[in-house]
Amino acid sequence: SVYEGPVLFVKGSKSRYVRKAHYDRIKALFPNSEVEEIDTGHWPHAEAADEFLDLLNEWYARPELQGLEEGHAMKEQGQ
C-alpha cells in the first residue's frame, strides 16, 4: 500500500542499511517522502543528536506541514 502523506527519512551517510539504490522503491511507496543524510553511521539520532533534531525541527516547521494532525493522511486515504 502507498502512503501519500509527508515522510522524512533520515539516514547516516556512512551506514549501508539504506542505500541510494533503495530510493526509487522508497519513492514508490512514499511518493511525498524525502531522504536526508547526516554524516554518521547507522544511528544518526544518537551519533549526531543536535544535527538530527535541527533537521527534524526544520522539516516540521515547513508551512505545508502546519496543521497536519496524527493520522491526517491516512484519513484522507480512507484507512
PDB file of N, CA and C in Angstrom:
ATOM      1  N   SER A   1       0.839  -1.177   0.000  1.00  0.00           N
ATOM      2  CA  SER A   1       0.000   0.000   0.000  1.00  0.00           C
ATOM      3  C   SER A   1       0.889   1.247   0.000  1.00  0.00           C
ATOM      4  N   VAL A   2       0.464   2.271  -0.683  1.00  0.00           N
ATOM      5  CA  VAL A   2       1.208   3.519  -0.799  1.00  0.00           C
ATOM      6  C   VAL A   2       0.711   4.499   0.257  1.00  0.00           C
ATOM      7  N   TYR A   3       1.640   5.164   0.916  1.00  0.00           N
ATOM      8  CA  TYR A   3       1.300   6.206   1.874  1.00  0.00           C
ATOM      9  C   TYR A   3       1.570   7.547   1.225  1.00  0.00           C
ATOM     10  N   GLU A   4       0.544   8.379   1.091  1.00  0.00           N
ATOM     11  CA  GLU A   4       0.640   9.654   0.378  1.00  0.00           C
ATOM     12  C   GLU A   4       1.052  10.829   1.254  1.00  0.00           C
ATOM     13  N   GLY A   5       1.081  10.644   2.557  1.00  0.00           N
ATOM     14  CA  GLY A   5       1.418  11.744   3.453  1.00  0.00           C
ATOM     15  C   GLY A   5       2.898  12.078   3.424  1.00  0.00           C
ATOM     16  N   PRO A   6       3.262  13.190   4.037  1.00  0.00           N
ATOM     17  CA  PRO A   6       4.666  13.595   4.063  1.00  0.00           C
ATOM     18  C   PRO A   6       5.483  12.672   4.969  1.00  0.00           C
ATOM     19  N   VAL A   7       6.672  12.314   4.515  1.00  0.00           N
ATOM     20  CA  VAL A   7       7.557  11.433   5.271  1.00  0.00           C
ATOM     21  C   VAL A   7       8.992  11.932   5.116  1.00  0.00           C
ATOM     22  N   LEU A   8       9.711  11.936   6.213  1.00  0.00           N
ATOM     23  CA  LEU A   8      11.127  12.275   6.184  1.00  0.00           C
ATOM     24  C   LEU A   8      11.911  11.058   6.644  1.00  0.00           C
ATOM     25  N   PHE A   9      12.793  10.560   5.782  1.00  0.00           N
ATOM     26  CA  PHE A   9      13.728   9.508   6.137  1.00  0.00           C
ATOM     27  C   PHE A   9      15.055  10.181   6.428  1.00  0.00           C
ATOM     28  N   VAL A  10      15.653   9.851   7.563  1.00  0.00           N
ATOM     29  CA  VAL A  10      16.961  10.386   7.910  1.00  0.00           C
ATOM     30  C   VAL A  10      17.916   9.210   8.022  1.00  0.00           C
ATOM     31  N   LYS A  11      18.966   9.249   7.220  1.00  0.00           N
ATOM     32  CA  LYS A  11      19.929   8.148   7.232  1.00  0.00           C
ATOM     33  C   LYS A  11      21.323   8.685   7.499  1.00  0.00           C
ATOM     34  N   GLY A  12      22.149   7.828   8.059  1.00  0.00           N
ATOM     35  CA  GLY A  12      23.556   8.148   8.231  1.00  0.00           C
ATOM     36  C   GLY A  12      24.290   7.884   6.927  1.00  0.00           C
ATOM     37  N   SER A  13      25.081   8.831   6.486  1.00  0.00           N
ATOM     38  CA  SER A  13      25.777   8.685   5.202  1.00  0.00           C
ATOM     39  C   SER A  13      26.791   7.544   5.203  1.00  0.00           C
ATOM     40  N   LYS A  14      27.259   7.142   6.373  1.00  0.00           N
ATOM     41  CA  LYS A  14      28.225   6.050   6.465  1.00  0.00           C
ATOM     42  C   LYS A  14      27.556   4.694   6.684  1.00  0.00           C
ATOM     43  N   SER A  15      26.254   4.689   6.826  1.00  0.00           N
ATOM     44  CA  SER A  15      25.515   3.442   7.009  1.00  0.00           C
ATOM     45  C   SER A  15      25.173   2.834   5.652  1.00  0.00           C
ATOM     46  N   ARG A  16      25.267   1.551   5.567  1.00  0.00           N
ATOM     47  CA  ARG A  16      24.919   0.861   4.326  1.00  0.00           C
ATOM     48  C   ARG A  16      23.515   0.270   4.391  1.00  0.00           C
ATOM     49  N   TYR A  17      22.769   0.571   5.439  1.00  0.00           N
ATOM     50  CA  TYR A  17      21.440  -0.023   5.611  1.00  0.00           C
ATOM     51  C   TYR A  17      20.451   0.497   4.570  1.00  0.00           C
ATOM     52  N   VAL A  18      20.343   1.805   4.421  1.00  0.00           N
ATOM     53  CA  VAL A  18      19.509   2.395   3.368  1.00  0.00           C
ATOM     54  C   VAL A  18      20.469   2.955   2.332  1.00  0.00           C
ATOM     55  N   ARG A  19      20.376   2.423   1.124  1.00  0.00           N
ATOM     56  CA  ARG A  19      21.303   2.812   0.057  1.00  0.00           C
ATOM     57  C   ARG A  19      20.571   3.626  -1.001  1.00  0.00           C
ATOM     58  N   LYS A  20      21.338   4.359  -1.777  1.00  0.00           N
ATOM     59  CA  LYS A  20      20.743   5.143  -2.865  1.00  0.00           C
ATOM     60  C   LYS A  20      19.965   4.254  -3.827  1.00  0.00           C
ATOM     61  N   ALA A  21      20.353   3.015  -3.949  1.00  0.00           N
ATOM     62  CA  ALA A  21      19.631   2.069  -4.799  1.00  0.00           C
ATOM     63  C   ALA A  21      18.213   1.816  -4.286  1.00  0.00           C
ATOM     64  N   HIS A  22      17.955   2.118  -3.019  1.00  0.00           N
ATOM     65  CA  HIS A  22      16.629   1.929  -2.423  1.00  0.00           C
ATOM     66  C   HIS A  22      15.696   3.125  -2.640  1.00  0.00           C
ATOM     67  N   TYR A  23      16.255   4.267  -3.049  1.00  0.00           N
ATOM     68  CA  TYR A  23      15.475   5.500  -3.112  1.00  0.00           C
ATOM     69  C   TYR A  23      14.275   5.396  -4.048  1.00  0.00           C
ATOM     70  N   ASP A  24      14.417   4.719  -5.182  1.00  0.00           N
ATOM     71  CA  ASP A  24      13.276   4.581  -6.100  1.00  0.00           C
ATOM     72  C   ASP A  24      12.146   3.803  -5.449  1.00  0.00           C
ATOM     73  N   ARG A  25      12.478   2.757  -4.710  1.00  0.00           N
ATOM     74  CA  ARG A  25      11.447   1.958  -4.027  1.00  0.00           C
ATOM     75  C   ARG A  25      10.790   2.770  -2.916  1.00  0.00           C
ATOM     76  N   ILE A  26      11.599   3.537  -2.200  1.00  0.00           N
ATOM     77  CA  ILE A  26      11.045   4.408  -1.158  1.00  0.00           C
ATOM     78  C   ILE A  26      10.045   5.378  -1.781  1.00  0.00           C
ATOM     79  N   LYS A  27      10.425   6.006  -2.902  1.00  0.00           N
ATOM     80  CA  LYS A  27       9.529   6.958  -3.572  1.00  0.00           C
ATOM     81  C   LYS A  27       8.260   6.283  -4.075  1.00  0.00           C
ATOM     82  N   ALA A  28       8.357   5.038  -4.509  1.00  0.00           N
ATOM     83  CA  ALA A  28       7.180   4.318  -4.988  1.00  0.00           C
ATOM     84  C   ALA A  28       6.186   4.081  -3.855  1.00  0.00           C
ATOM     85  N   LEU A  29       6.678   3.790  -2.671  1.00  0.00           N
ATOM     86  CA  LEU A  29       5.804   3.508  -1.524  1.00  0.00           C
ATOM     87  C   LEU A  29       5.418   4.763  -0.751  1.00  0.00           C
ATOM     88  N   PHE A  30       6.283   5.767  -0.779  1.00  0.00           N
ATOM     89  CA  PHE A  30       6.066   7.027  -0.064  1.00  0.00           C
ATOM     90  C   PHE A  30       6.334   8.178  -1.031  1.00  0.00           C
ATOM     91  N   PRO A  31       5.414   8.465  -1.951  1.00  0.00           N
ATOM     92  CA  PRO A  31       5.673   9.444  -3.005  1.00  0.00           C
ATOM     93  C   PRO A  31       5.955  10.863  -2.508  1.00  0.00           C
ATOM     94  N   ASN A  32       5.523  11.202  -1.326  1.00  0.00           N
ATOM     95  CA  ASN A  32       5.766  12.534  -0.776  1.00  0.00           C
ATOM     96  C   ASN A  32       6.862  12.496   0.279  1.00  0.00           C
ATOM     97  N   SER A  33       7.852  11.645   0.048  1.00  0.00           N
ATOM     98  CA  SER A  33       8.934  11.489   1.014  1.00  0.00           C
ATOM     99  C   SER A  33      10.194  12.198   0.558  1.00  0.00           C
ATOM    100  N   GLU A  34      11.066  12.396   1.526  1.00  0.00           N
ATOM    101  CA  GLU A  34      12.398  12.941   1.291  1.00  0.00           C
ATOM    102  C   GLU A  34      13.374  12.098   2.077  1.00  0.00           C
ATOM    103  N   VAL A  35      14.576  11.976   1.565  1.00  0.00           N
ATOM    104  CA  VAL A  35      15.648  11.299   2.282  1.00  0.00           C
ATOM    105  C   VAL A  35      16.735  12.321   2.539  1.00  0.00           C
ATOM    106  N   GLU A  36      17.063  12.500   3.792  1.00  0.00           N
ATOM    107  CA  GLU A  36      18.145  13.407   4.193  1.00  0.00           C
ATOM    108  C   GLU A  36      19.253  12.569   4.808  1.00  0.00           C
ATOM    109  N   GLU A  37      20.476  12.977   4.567  1.00  0.00           N
ATOM    110  CA  GLU A  37      21.625  12.274   5.121  1.00  0.00           C
ATOM    111  C   GLU A  37      22.366  13.155   6.119  1.00  0.00           C
ATOM    112  N   ILE A  38      22.822  12.507   7.174  1.00  0.00           N
ATOM    113  CA  ILE A  38      23.677  13.149   8.172  1.00  0.00           C
ATOM    114  C   ILE A  38      24.986  12.365   8.177  1.00  0.00           C
ATOM    115  N   ASP A  39      26.079  13.047   8.382  1.00  0.00           N
ATOM    116  CA  ASP A  39      27.397  12.420   8.346  1.00  0.00           C
ATOM    117  C   ASP A  39      27.633  11.571   9.595  1.00  0.00           C
ATOM    118  N   THR A  40      26.966  10.409   9.627  1.00  0.00           N
ATOM    119  CA  THR A  40      27.065   9.483  10.754  1.00  0.00           C
ATOM    120  C   THR A  40      27.002   8.055  10.222  1.00  0.00           C
ATOM    121  N   GLY A  41      27.028   7.124  11.154  1.00  0.00           N
ATOM    122  CA  GLY A  41      26.801   5.725  10.830  1.00  0.00           C
ATOM    123  C   GLY A  41      25.310   5.430  10.842  1.00  0.00           C
ATOM    124  N   HIS A  42      24.962   4.260  11.351  1.00  0.00           N
ATOM    125  CA  HIS A  42      23.578   3.771  11.289  1.00  0.00           C
ATOM    126  C   HIS A  42      22.617   4.509  12.232  1.00  0.00           C
ATOM    127  N   TRP A  43      23.101   5.164  13.255  1.00  0.00           N
ATOM    128  CA  TRP A  43      22.239   5.789  14.258  1.00  0.00           C
ATOM    129  C   TRP A  43      22.402   7.300  14.276  1.00  0.00           C
ATOM    130  N   PRO A  44      21.912   8.003  13.266  1.00  0.00           N
ATOM    131  CA  PRO A  44      22.103   9.465  13.240  1.00  0.00           C
ATOM    132  C   PRO A  44      21.474  10.169  14.432  1.00  0.00           C
ATOM    133  N   HIS A  45      20.386   9.624  14.952  1.00  0.00           N
ATOM    134  CA  HIS A  45      19.717  10.258  16.097  1.00  0.00           C
ATOM    135  C   HIS A  45      20.570  10.198  17.360  1.00  0.00           C
ATOM    136  N   ALA A  46      21.447   9.211  17.454  1.00  0.00           N
ATOM    137  CA  ALA A  46      22.323   9.086  18.623  1.00  0.00           C
ATOM    138  C   ALA A  46      23.709   9.666  18.369  1.00  0.00           C
ATOM    139  N   GLU A  47      24.208   9.486  17.154  1.00  0.00           N
ATOM    140  CA  GLU A  47      25.572   9.913  16.841  1.00  0.00           C
ATOM    141  C   GLU A  47      25.689  11.411  16.598  1.00  0.00           C
ATOM    142  N   ALA A  48      24.614  12.036  16.175  1.00  0.00           N
ATOM    143  CA  ALA A  48      24.614  13.491  15.917  1.00  0.00           C
ATOM    144  C   ALA A  48      23.249  14.046  16.324  1.00  0.00           C
ATOM    145  N   ALA A  49      22.951  13.905  17.598  1.00  0.00           N
ATOM    146  CA  ALA A  49      21.616  14.249  18.101  1.00  0.00           C
ATOM    147  C   ALA A  49      21.212  15.690  17.792  1.00  0.00           C
ATOM    148  N   ASP A  50      22.115  16.635  17.982  1.00  0.00           N
ATOM    149  CA  ASP A  50      21.763  18.038  17.738  1.00  0.00           C
ATOM    150  C   ASP A  50      21.446  18.277  16.268  1.00  0.00           C
ATOM    151  N   GLU A  51      22.274  17.747  15.383  1.00  0.00           N
ATOM    152  CA  GLU A  51      22.031  17.910  13.945  1.00  0.00           C
ATOM    153  C   GLU A  51      20.738  17.215  13.530  1.00  0.00           C
ATOM    154  N   PHE A  52      20.488  16.034  14.094  1.00  0.00           N
ATOM    155  CA  PHE A  52      19.262  15.295  13.815  1.00  0.00           C
ATOM    156  C   PHE A  52      18.035  16.106  14.243  1.00  0.00           C
ATOM    157  N   LEU A  53      18.074  16.652  15.445  1.00  0.00           N
ATOM    158  CA  LEU A  53      16.936  17.439  15.937  1.00  0.00           C
ATOM    159  C   LEU A  53      16.755  18.721  15.134  1.00  0.00           C
ATOM    160  N   ASP A  54      17.851  19.362  14.742  1.00  0.00           N
ATOM    161  CA  ASP A  54      17.750  20.552  13.895  1.00  0.00           C
ATOM    162  C   ASP A  54      17.061  20.210  12.572  1.00  0.00           C
ATOM    163  N   LEU A  55      17.445  19.086  11.988  1.00  0.00           N
ATOM    164  CA  LEU A  55      16.847  18.648  10.731  1.00  0.00           C
ATOM    165  C   LEU A  55      15.352  18.395  10.893  1.00  0.00           C
ATOM    166  N   LEU A  56      14.978  17.696  11.965  1.00  0.00           N
ATOM    167  CA  LEU A  56      13.553  17.437  12.218  1.00  0.00           C
ATOM    168  C   LEU A  56      12.778  18.724  12.448  1.00  0.00           C
ATOM    169  N   ASN A  57      13.329  19.621  13.250  1.00  0.00           N
ATOM    170  CA  ASN A  57      12.643  20.882  13.530  1.00  0.00           C
ATOM    171  C   ASN A  57      12.445  21.712  12.267  1.00  0.00           C
ATOM    172  N   GLU A  58      13.462  21.747  11.400  1.00  0.00           N
ATOM    173  CA  GLU A  58      13.326  22.464  10.130  1.00  0.00           C
ATOM    174  C   GLU A  58      12.238  21.826   9.271  1.00  0.00           C
ATOM    175  N   TRP A  59      12.206  20.513   9.236  1.00  0.00           N
ATOM    176  CA  TRP A  59      11.222  19.807   8.414  1.00  0.00           C
ATOM    177  C   TRP A  59       9.804  20.054   8.945  1.00  0.00           C
ATOM    178  N   TYR A  60       9.620  19.910  10.255  1.00  0.00           N
ATOM    179  CA  TYR A  60       8.300  20.124  10.865  1.00  0.00           C
ATOM    180  C   TYR A  60       7.817  21.564  10.751  1.00  0.00           C
ATOM    181  N   ALA A  61       8.733  22.506  10.631  1.00  0.00           N
ATOM    182  CA  ALA A  61       8.365  23.924  10.558  1.00  0.00           C
ATOM    183  C   ALA A  61       7.893  24.343   9.176  1.00  0.00           C
ATOM    184  N   ARG A  62       7.983  23.478   8.199  1.00  0.00           N
ATOM    185  CA  ARG A  62       7.564  23.832   6.842  1.00  0.00           C
ATOM    186  C   ARG A  62       6.074  24.179   6.816  1.00  0.00           C
ATOM    187  N   PRO A  63       5.737  25.223   6.063  1.00  0.00           N
ATOM    188  CA  PRO A  63       4.331  25.650   6.005  1.00  0.00           C
ATOM    189  C   PRO A  63       3.380  24.533   5.563  1.00  0.00           C
ATOM    190  N   GLU A  64       3.811  23.676   4.643  1.00  0.00           N
ATOM    191  CA  GLU A  64       2.918  22.630   4.144  1.00  0.00           C
ATOM    192  C   GLU A  64       2.628  21.558   5.192  1.00  0.00           C
ATOM    193  N   LEU A  65       3.390  21.542   6.272  1.00  0.00           N
ATOM    194  CA  LEU A  65       3.160  20.560   7.332  1.00  0.00           C
ATOM    195  C   LEU A  65       2.359  21.132   8.494  1.00  0.00           C
ATOM    196  N   GLN A  66       2.167  22.433   8.503  1.00  0.00           N
ATOM    197  CA  GLN A  66       1.428  23.055   9.595  1.00  0.00           C
ATOM    198  C   GLN A  66      -0.037  22.628   9.549  1.00  0.00           C
ATOM    199  N   GLY A  67      -0.568  22.302  10.687  1.00  0.00           N
ATOM    200  CA  GLY A  67      -1.974  21.918  10.767  1.00  0.00           C
ATOM    201  C   GLY A  67      -2.230  20.443  10.529  1.00  0.00           C
ATOM    202  N   LEU A  68      -1.212  19.692  10.158  1.00  0.00           N
ATOM    203  CA  LEU A  68      -1.414  18.253   9.996  1.00  0.00           C
ATOM    204  C   LEU A  68      -1.525  17.619  11.368  1.00  0.00           C
ATOM    205  N   GLU A  69      -2.468  16.757  11.494  1.00  0.00           N
ATOM    206  CA  GLU A  69      -2.621  16.053  12.756  1.00  0.00           C
ATOM    207  C   GLU A  69      -2.280  14.589  12.540  1.00  0.00           C
ATOM    208  N   GLU A  70      -2.048  13.892  13.608  1.00  0.00           N
ATOM    209  CA  GLU A  70      -1.698  12.481  13.516  1.00  0.00           C
ATOM    210  C   GLU A  70      -2.796  11.721  12.781  1.00  0.00           C
ATOM    211  N   GLY A  71      -2.396  10.931  11.795  1.00  0.00           N
ATOM    212  CA  GLY A  71      -3.347  10.138  11.034  1.00  0.00           C
ATOM    213  C   GLY A  71      -4.054  10.905   9.953  1.00  0.00           C
ATOM    214  N   HIS A  72      -3.722  12.170   9.744  1.00  0.00           N
ATOM    215  CA  HIS A  72      -4.421  13.007   8.769  1.00  0.00           C
ATOM    216  C   HIS A  72      -4.408  12.396   7.379  1.00  0.00           C
ATOM    217  N   ALA A  73      -3.251  12.023   6.915  1.00  0.00           N
ATOM    218  CA  ALA A  73      -3.130  11.478   5.558  1.00  0.00           C
ATOM    219  C   ALA A  73      -3.850  10.142   5.446  1.00  0.00           C
ATOM    220  N   MET A  74      -3.812   9.348   6.509  1.00  0.00           N
ATOM    221  CA  MET A  74      -4.497   8.056   6.468  1.00  0.00           C
ATOM    222  C   MET A  74      -6.005   8.254   6.365  1.00  0.00           C
ATOM    223  N   LYS A  75      -6.535   9.279   7.038  1.00  0.00           N
ATOM    224  CA  LYS A  75      -7.954   9.566   6.962  1.00  0.00           C
ATOM    225  C   LYS A  75      -8.345   9.947   5.536  1.00  0.00           C
ATOM    226  N   GLU A  76      -7.479  10.752   4.876  1.00  0.00           N
ATOM    227  CA  GLU A  76      -7.750  11.163   3.506  1.00  0.00           C
ATOM    228  C   GLU A  76      -7.762   9.975   2.561  1.00  0.00           C
ATOM    229  N   GLN A  77      -6.994   8.934   2.883  1.00  0.00           N
ATOM    230  CA  GLN A  77      -6.933   7.759   2.045  1.00  0.00           C
ATOM    231  C   GLN A  77      -8.034   6.765   2.380  1.00  0.00           C
ATOM    232  N   GLY A  78      -8.826   7.079   3.379  1.00  0.00           N
ATOM    233  CA  GLY A  78      -9.919   6.198   3.758  1.00  0.00           C
ATOM    234  C   GLY A  78      -9.473   5.001   4.568  1.00  0.00           C
ATOM    235  N   GLN A  79      -8.352   5.110   5.218  1.00  0.00           N
ATOM    236  CA  GLN A  79      -7.823   3.994   6.026  1.00  0.00           C
ATOM    237  C   GLN A  79      -8.170   4.186   7.469  1.00  0.00           C
TER     238      GLN A  79
END
